[in-house]
Amino acid sequence: MGSLPRPSRLCRGEGQSTLEYFLVLIAIIAAVTAAANAVVRPAIEKMLGESSTIIQNSAGKVRAKLGL
């Protein structure tokens, strides 16, 4: 008696499940990136704005002391 042929790799669904995991991973990375962009960007912009104000105030004080 002959044996039944083994199912190929694609028929077993291993390739499909790997692709599905990969797509889910990409979706998670995209969501984390979007969330970080929405949360981190405003905080950095606020910090840079405050730093700019402090530097301008300090430069004004230096100019005033130098009489410029």
PDB file of N, CA and C in Angstrom:
ATOM      1  N   MET A   1       0.827  -1.167   0.000  1.00  0.00           N
ATOM      2  CA  MET A   1       0.000   0.000   0.000  1.00  0.00           C
ATOM      3  C   MET A   1       0.874   1.233   0.000  1.00  0.00           C
ATOM      4  N   GLY A   2       0.436   2.216  -0.765  1.00  0.00           N
ATOM      5  CA  GLY A   2       1.190   3.473  -0.832  1.00  0.00           C
ATOM      6  C   GLY A   2       0.742   4.417   0.267  1.00  0.00           C
ATOM      7  N   SER A   3       1.644   5.273   0.631  1.00  0.00           N
ATOM      8  CA  SER A   3       1.299   6.255   1.665  1.00  0.00           C
ATOM      9  C   SER A   3       0.682   7.489   1.013  1.00  0.00           C
ATOM     10  N   LEU A   4      -0.091   8.201   1.786  1.00  0.00           N
ATOM     11  CA  LEU A   4      -0.712   9.418   1.293  1.00  0.00           C
ATOM     12  C   LEU A   4       0.333  10.525   1.209  1.00  0.00           C
ATOM     13  N   PRO A   5       0.217  11.361   0.207  1.00  0.00           N
ATOM     14  CA  PRO A   5       1.196  12.454   0.110  1.00  0.00           C
ATOM     15  C   PRO A   5       1.021  13.445   1.265  1.00  0.00           C
ATOM     16  N   ARG A   6       2.148  13.939   1.741  1.00  0.00           N
ATOM     17  CA  ARG A   6       2.116  14.930   2.822  1.00  0.00           C
ATOM     18  C   ARG A   6       1.627  16.260   2.273  1.00  0.00           C
ATOM     19  N   PRO A   7       0.855  16.989   3.038  1.00  0.00           N
ATOM     20  CA  PRO A   7       0.410  18.293   2.562  1.00  0.00           C
ATOM     21  C   PRO A   7       1.601  19.240   2.437  1.00  0.00           C
ATOM     22  N   SER A   8       1.563  20.090   1.446  1.00  0.00           N
ATOM     23  CA  SER A   8       2.658  21.040   1.265  1.00  0.00           C
ATOM     24  C   SER A   8       2.627  22.083   2.373  1.00  0.00           C
ATOM     25  N   ARG A   9       3.684  22.861   2.456  1.00  0.00           N
ATOM     26  CA  ARG A   9       3.797  23.884   3.499  1.00  0.00           C
ATOM     27  C   ARG A   9       2.657  24.894   3.414  1.00  0.00           C
ATOM     28  N   LEU A  10       2.307  25.322   2.212  1.00  0.00           N
ATOM     29  CA  LEU A  10       1.247  26.306   2.053  1.00  0.00           C
ATOM     30  C   LEU A  10      -0.110  25.741   2.424  1.00  0.00           C
ATOM     31  N   CYS A  11      -0.307  24.481   2.185  1.00  0.00           N
ATOM     32  CA  CYS A  11      -1.596  23.878   2.512  1.00  0.00           C
ATOM     33  C   CYS A  11      -1.806  23.784   4.015  1.00  0.00           C
ATOM     34  N   ARG A  12      -0.732  23.667   4.768  1.00  0.00           N
ATOM     35  CA  ARG A  12      -0.845  23.570   6.214  1.00  0.00           C
ATOM     36  C   ARG A  12      -1.123  24.926   6.855  1.00  0.00           C
ATOM     37  N   GLY A  13      -0.954  26.002   6.117  1.00  0.00           N
ATOM     38  CA  GLY A  13      -1.268  27.321   6.627  1.00  0.00           C
ATOM     39  C   GLY A  13      -0.156  27.994   7.404  1.00  0.00           C
ATOM     40  N   GLU A  14       1.056  27.446   7.415  1.00  0.00           N
ATOM     41  CA  GLU A  14       2.150  28.066   8.162  1.00  0.00           C
ATOM     42  C   GLU A  14       2.549  29.388   7.533  1.00  0.00           C
ATOM     43  N   GLY A  15       2.617  29.439   6.228  1.00  0.00           N
ATOM     44  CA  GLY A  15       2.968  30.675   5.547  1.00  0.00           C
ATOM     45  C   GLY A  15       1.926  31.746   5.773  1.00  0.00           C
ATOM     46  N   GLN A  16       0.687  31.354   5.769  1.00  0.00           N
ATOM     47  CA  GLN A  16      -0.391  32.311   5.977  1.00  0.00           C
ATOM     48  C   GLN A  16      -0.352  32.862   7.398  1.00  0.00           C
ATOM     49  N   SER A  17      -0.148  32.022   8.382  1.00  0.00           N
ATOM     50  CA  SER A  17      -0.137  32.519   9.754  1.00  0.00           C
ATOM     51  C   SER A  17       1.079  33.414   9.995  1.00  0.00           C
ATOM     52  N   THR A  18       2.211  33.112   9.375  1.00  0.00           N
ATOM     53  CA  THR A  18       3.392  33.962   9.498  1.00  0.00           C
ATOM     54  C   THR A  18       3.100  35.335   8.918  1.00  0.00           C
ATOM     55  N   LEU A  19       2.460  35.371   7.767  1.00  0.00           N
ATOM     56  CA  LEU A  19       2.096  36.642   7.154  1.00  0.00           C
ATOM     57  C   LEU A  19       1.126  37.412   8.035  1.00  0.00           C
ATOM     58  N   GLU A  20       0.180  36.722   8.631  1.00  0.00           N
ATOM     59  CA  GLU A  20      -0.783  37.392   9.510  1.00  0.00           C
ATOM     60  C   GLU A  20      -0.084  37.987  10.728  1.00  0.00           C
ATOM     61  N   TYR A  21       0.848  37.256  11.330  1.00  0.00           N
ATOM     62  CA  TYR A  21       1.603  37.794  12.459  1.00  0.00           C
ATOM     63  C   TYR A  21       2.403  39.017  12.034  1.00  0.00           C
ATOM     64  N   PHE A  22       3.000  38.957  10.870  1.00  0.00           N
ATOM     65  CA  PHE A  22       3.788  40.068  10.350  1.00  0.00           C
ATOM     66  C   PHE A  22       2.906  41.296  10.149  1.00  0.00           C
ATOM     67  N   LEU A  23       1.724  41.129   9.590  1.00  0.00           N
ATOM     68  CA  LEU A  23       0.813  42.249   9.370  1.00  0.00           C
ATOM     69  C   LEU A  23       0.326  42.846  10.687  1.00  0.00           C
ATOM     70  N   VAL A  24       0.055  42.001  11.673  1.00  0.00           N
ATOM     71  CA  VAL A  24      -0.352  42.492  12.991  1.00  0.00           C
ATOM     72  C   VAL A  24       0.791  43.277  13.626  1.00  0.00           C
ATOM     73  N   LEU A  25       2.011  42.777  13.489  1.00  0.00           N
ATOM     74  CA  LEU A  25       3.178  43.474  14.028  1.00  0.00           C
ATOM     75  C   LEU A  25       3.333  44.843  13.377  1.00  0.00           C
ATOM     76  N   ILE A  26       3.160  44.918  12.079  1.00  0.00           N
ATOM     77  CA  ILE A  26       3.249  46.197  11.367  1.00  0.00           C
ATOM     78  C   ILE A  26       2.165  47.150  11.863  1.00  0.00           C
ATOM     79  N   ALA A  27       0.958  46.654  12.072  1.00  0.00           N
ATOM     80  CA  ALA A  27      -0.133  47.491  12.562  1.00  0.00           C
ATOM     81  C   ALA A  27       0.169  48.021  13.968  1.00  0.00           C
ATOM     82  N   ILE A  28       0.730  47.186  14.814  1.00  0.00           N
ATOM     83  CA  ILE A  28       1.085  47.610  16.171  1.00  0.00           C
ATOM     84  C   ILE A  28       2.173  48.678  16.121  1.00  0.00           C
ATOM     85  N   ILE A  29       3.181  48.474  15.294  1.00  0.00           N
ATOM     86  CA  ILE A  29       4.266  49.456  15.165  1.00  0.00           C
ATOM     87  C   ILE A  29       3.723  50.780  14.660  1.00  0.00           C
ATOM     88  N   ALA A  30       2.815  50.731  13.691  1.00  0.00           N
ATOM     89  CA  ALA A  30       2.216  51.957  13.158  1.00  0.00           C
ATOM     90  C   ALA A  30       1.412  52.678  14.241  1.00  0.00           C
ATOM     91  N   ALA A  31       0.674  51.940  15.044  1.00  0.00           N
ATOM     92  CA  ALA A  31      -0.128  52.551  16.109  1.00  0.00           C
ATOM     93  C   ALA A  31       0.759  53.182  17.175  1.00  0.00           C
ATOM     94  N   VAL A  32       1.822  52.495  17.555  1.00  0.00           N
ATOM     95  CA  VAL A  32       2.736  53.031  18.564  1.00  0.00           C
ATOM     96  C   VAL A  32       3.423  54.283  18.033  1.00  0.00           C
ATOM     97  N   THR A  33       3.828  54.256  16.769  1.00  0.00           N
ATOM     98  CA  THR A  33       4.478  55.415  16.162  1.00  0.00           C
ATOM     99  C   THR A  33       3.526  56.609  16.111  1.00  0.00           C
ATOM    100  N   ALA A  34       2.293  56.377  15.730  1.00  0.00           N
ATOM    101  CA  ALA A  34       1.308  57.462  15.671  1.00  0.00           C
ATOM    102  C   ALA A  34       1.031  58.020  17.063  1.00  0.00           C
ATOM    103  N   ALA A  35       0.910  57.153  18.050  1.00  0.00           N
ATOM    104  CA  ALA A  35       0.648  57.607  19.417  1.00  0.00           C
ATOM    105  C   ALA A  35       1.839  58.392  19.963  1.00  0.00           C
ATOM    106  N   ALA A  36       3.037  57.910  19.706  1.00  0.00           N
ATOM    107  CA  ALA A  36       4.232  58.613  20.171  1.00  0.00           C
ATOM    108  C   ALA A  36       4.329  59.977  19.513  1.00  0.00           C
ATOM    109  N   ASN A  37       4.002  60.030  18.234  1.00  0.00           N
ATOM    110  CA  ASN A  37       4.045  61.290  17.512  1.00  0.00           C
ATOM    111  C   ASN A  37       3.035  62.269  18.096  1.00  0.00           C
ATOM    112  N   ALA A  38       1.863  61.784  18.459  1.00  0.00           N
ATOM    113  CA  ALA A  38       0.818  62.646  19.003  1.00  0.00           C
ATOM    114  C   ALA A  38       1.142  63.112  20.423  1.00  0.00           C
ATOM    115  N   VAL A  39       1.879  62.325  21.189  1.00  0.00           N
ATOM    116  CA  VAL A  39       2.167  62.659  22.577  1.00  0.00           C
ATOM    117  C   VAL A  39       3.523  63.356  22.724  1.00  0.00           C
ATOM    118  N   VAL A  40       4.529  62.819  22.060  1.00  0.00           N
ATOM    119  CA  VAL A  40       5.888  63.310  22.252  1.00  0.00           C
ATOM    120  C   VAL A  40       6.118  64.638  21.533  1.00  0.00           C
ATOM    121  N   ARG A  41       5.600  64.783  20.311  1.00  0.00           N
ATOM    122  CA  ARG A  41       5.852  65.996  19.535  1.00  0.00           C
ATOM    123  C   ARG A  41       5.407  67.258  20.275  1.00  0.00           C
ATOM    124  N   PRO A  42       4.176  67.321  20.817  1.00  0.00           N
ATOM    125  CA  PRO A  42       3.792  68.542  21.536  1.00  0.00           C
ATOM    126  C   PRO A  42       4.689  68.829  22.747  1.00  0.00           C
ATOM    127  N   ALA A  43       5.107  67.795  23.440  1.00  0.00           N
ATOM    128  CA  ALA A  43       5.973  67.998  24.606  1.00  0.00           C
ATOM    129  C   ALA A  43       7.322  68.578  24.187  1.00  0.00           C
ATOM    130  N   ILE A  44       7.868  68.082  23.094  1.00  0.00           N
ATOM    131  CA  ILE A  44       9.156  68.590  22.606  1.00  0.00           C
ATOM    132  C   ILE A  44       8.999  70.020  22.113  1.00  0.00           C
ATOM    133  N   GLU A  45       7.911  70.292  21.389  1.00  0.00           N
ATOM    134  CA  GLU A  45       7.691  71.657  20.900  1.00  0.00           C
ATOM    135  C   GLU A  45       7.534  72.637  22.054  1.00  0.00           C
ATOM    136  N   LYS A  46       6.848  72.231  23.114  1.00  0.00           N
ATOM    137  CA  LYS A  46       6.689  73.087  24.290  1.00  0.00           C
ATOM    138  C   LYS A  46       8.040  73.350  24.946  1.00  0.00           C
ATOM    139  N   MET A  47       8.845  72.297  25.106  1.00  0.00           N
ATOM    140  CA  MET A  47      10.153  72.437  25.723  1.00  0.00           C
ATOM    141  C   MET A  47      11.053  73.365  24.908  1.00  0.00           C
ATOM    142  N   LEU A  48      11.040  73.198  23.574  1.00  0.00           N
ATOM    143  CA  LEU A  48      11.868  74.052  22.721  1.00  0.00           C
ATOM    144  C   LEU A  48      11.379  75.496  22.747  1.00  0.00           C
ATOM    145  N   GLY A  49      10.070  75.699  22.804  1.00  0.00           N
ATOM    146  CA  GLY A  49       9.532  77.049  22.898  1.00  0.00           C
ATOM    147  C   GLY A  49       9.948  77.735  24.183  1.00  0.00           C
ATOM    148  N   GLU A  50       9.878  77.011  25.290  1.00  0.00           N
ATOM    149  CA  GLU A  50      10.293  77.570  26.574  1.00  0.00           C
ATOM    150  C   GLU A  50      11.783  77.878  26.576  1.00  0.00           C
ATOM    151  N   SER A  51      12.584  76.988  25.990  1.00  0.00           N
ATOM    152  CA  SER A  51      14.029  77.209  25.915  1.00  0.00           C
ATOM    153  C   SER A  51      14.332  78.445  25.081  1.00  0.00           C
ATOM    154  N   SER A  52      13.618  78.613  23.994  1.00  0.00           N
ATOM    155  CA  SER A  52      13.816  79.771  23.131  1.00  0.00           C
ATOM    156  C   SER A  52      13.506  81.064  23.881  1.00  0.00           C
ATOM    157  N   THR A  53      12.435  81.062  24.646  1.00  0.00           N
ATOM    158  CA  THR A  53      12.066  82.241  25.427  1.00  0.00           C
ATOM    159  C   THR A  53      13.136  82.566  26.461  1.00  0.00           C
ATOM    160  N   ILE A  54      13.638  81.565  27.140  1.00  0.00           N
ATOM    161  CA  ILE A  54      14.679  81.770  28.154  1.00  0.00           C
ATOM    162  C   ILE A  54      15.939  82.330  27.512  1.00  0.00           C
ATOM    163  N   ILE A  55      16.327  81.794  26.365  1.00  0.00           N
ATOM    164  CA  ILE A  55      17.531  82.265  25.672  1.00  0.00           C
ATOM    165  C   ILE A  55      17.353  83.711  25.220  1.00  0.00           C
ATOM    166  N   GLN A  56      16.179  84.044  24.682  1.00  0.00           N
ATOM    167  CA  GLN A  56      15.936  85.419  24.236  1.00  0.00           C
ATOM    168  C   GLN A  56      15.961  86.395  25.417  1.00  0.00           C
ATOM    169  N   ASN A  57      15.363  85.999  26.524  1.00  0.00           N
ATOM    170  CA  ASN A  57      15.395  86.862  27.718  1.00  0.00           C
ATOM    171  C   ASN A  57      16.824  87.062  28.217  1.00  0.00           C
ATOM    172  N   SER A  58      17.605  86.004  28.239  1.00  0.00           N
ATOM    173  CA  SER A  58      18.993  86.101  28.696  1.00  0.00           C
ATOM    174  C   SER A  58      19.810  86.966  27.749  1.00  0.00           C
ATOM    175  N   ALA A  59      19.593  86.799  26.444  1.00  0.00           N
ATOM    176  CA  ALA A  59      20.316  87.620  25.469  1.00  0.00           C
ATOM    177  C   ALA A  59      19.959  89.089  25.637  1.00  0.00           C
ATOM    178  N   GLY A  60      18.687  89.376  25.928  1.00  0.00           N
ATOM    179  CA  GLY A  60      18.268  90.755  26.166  1.00  0.00           C
ATOM    180  C   GLY A  60      18.945  91.353  27.388  1.00  0.00           C
ATOM    181  N   LYS A  61      19.093  90.570  28.446  1.00  0.00           N
ATOM    182  CA  LYS A  61      19.766  91.047  29.661  1.00  0.00           C
ATOM    183  C   LYS A  61      21.243  91.322  29.391  1.00  0.00           C
ATOM    184  N   VAL A  62      21.885  90.451  28.609  1.00  0.00           N
ATOM    185  CA  VAL A  62      23.298  90.639  28.279  1.00  0.00           C
ATOM    186  C   VAL A  62      23.460  91.910  27.444  1.00  0.00           C
ATOM    187  N   ARG A  63      22.581  92.108  26.463  1.00  0.00           N
ATOM    188  CA  ARG A  63      22.653  93.319  25.631  1.00  0.00           C
ATOM    189  C   ARG A  63      22.469  94.577  26.485  1.00  0.00           C
ATOM    190  N   ALA A  64      21.537  94.494  27.421  1.00  0.00           N
ATOM    191  CA  ALA A  64      21.283  95.663  28.288  1.00  0.00           C
ATOM    192  C   ALA A  64      22.508  95.987  29.141  1.00  0.00           C
ATOM    193  N   LYS A  65      23.181  94.976  29.659  1.00  0.00           N
ATOM    194  CA  LYS A  65      24.369  95.200  30.467  1.00  0.00           C
ATOM    195  C   LYS A  65      25.522  95.736  29.637  1.00  0.00           C
ATOM    196  N   LEU A  66      25.594  95.314  28.374  1.00  0.00           N
ATOM    197  CA  LEU A  66      26.667  95.783  27.503  1.00  0.00           C
ATOM    198  C   LEU A  66      26.338  97.126  26.860  1.00  0.00           C
ATOM    199  N   GLY A  67      25.108  97.568  27.005  1.00  0.00           N
ATOM    200  CA  GLY A  67      24.676  98.827  26.425  1.00  0.00           C
ATOM    201  C   GLY A  67      24.494  98.755  24.921  1.00  0.00           C
ATOM    202  N   LEU A  68      24.101  97.609  24.418  1.00  0.00           N
ATOM    203  CA  LEU A  68      23.906  97.474  22.975  1.00  0.00           C
ATOM    204  C   LEU A  68      22.475  97.698  22.575  1.00  0.00           C
TER     205      LEU A  68
END
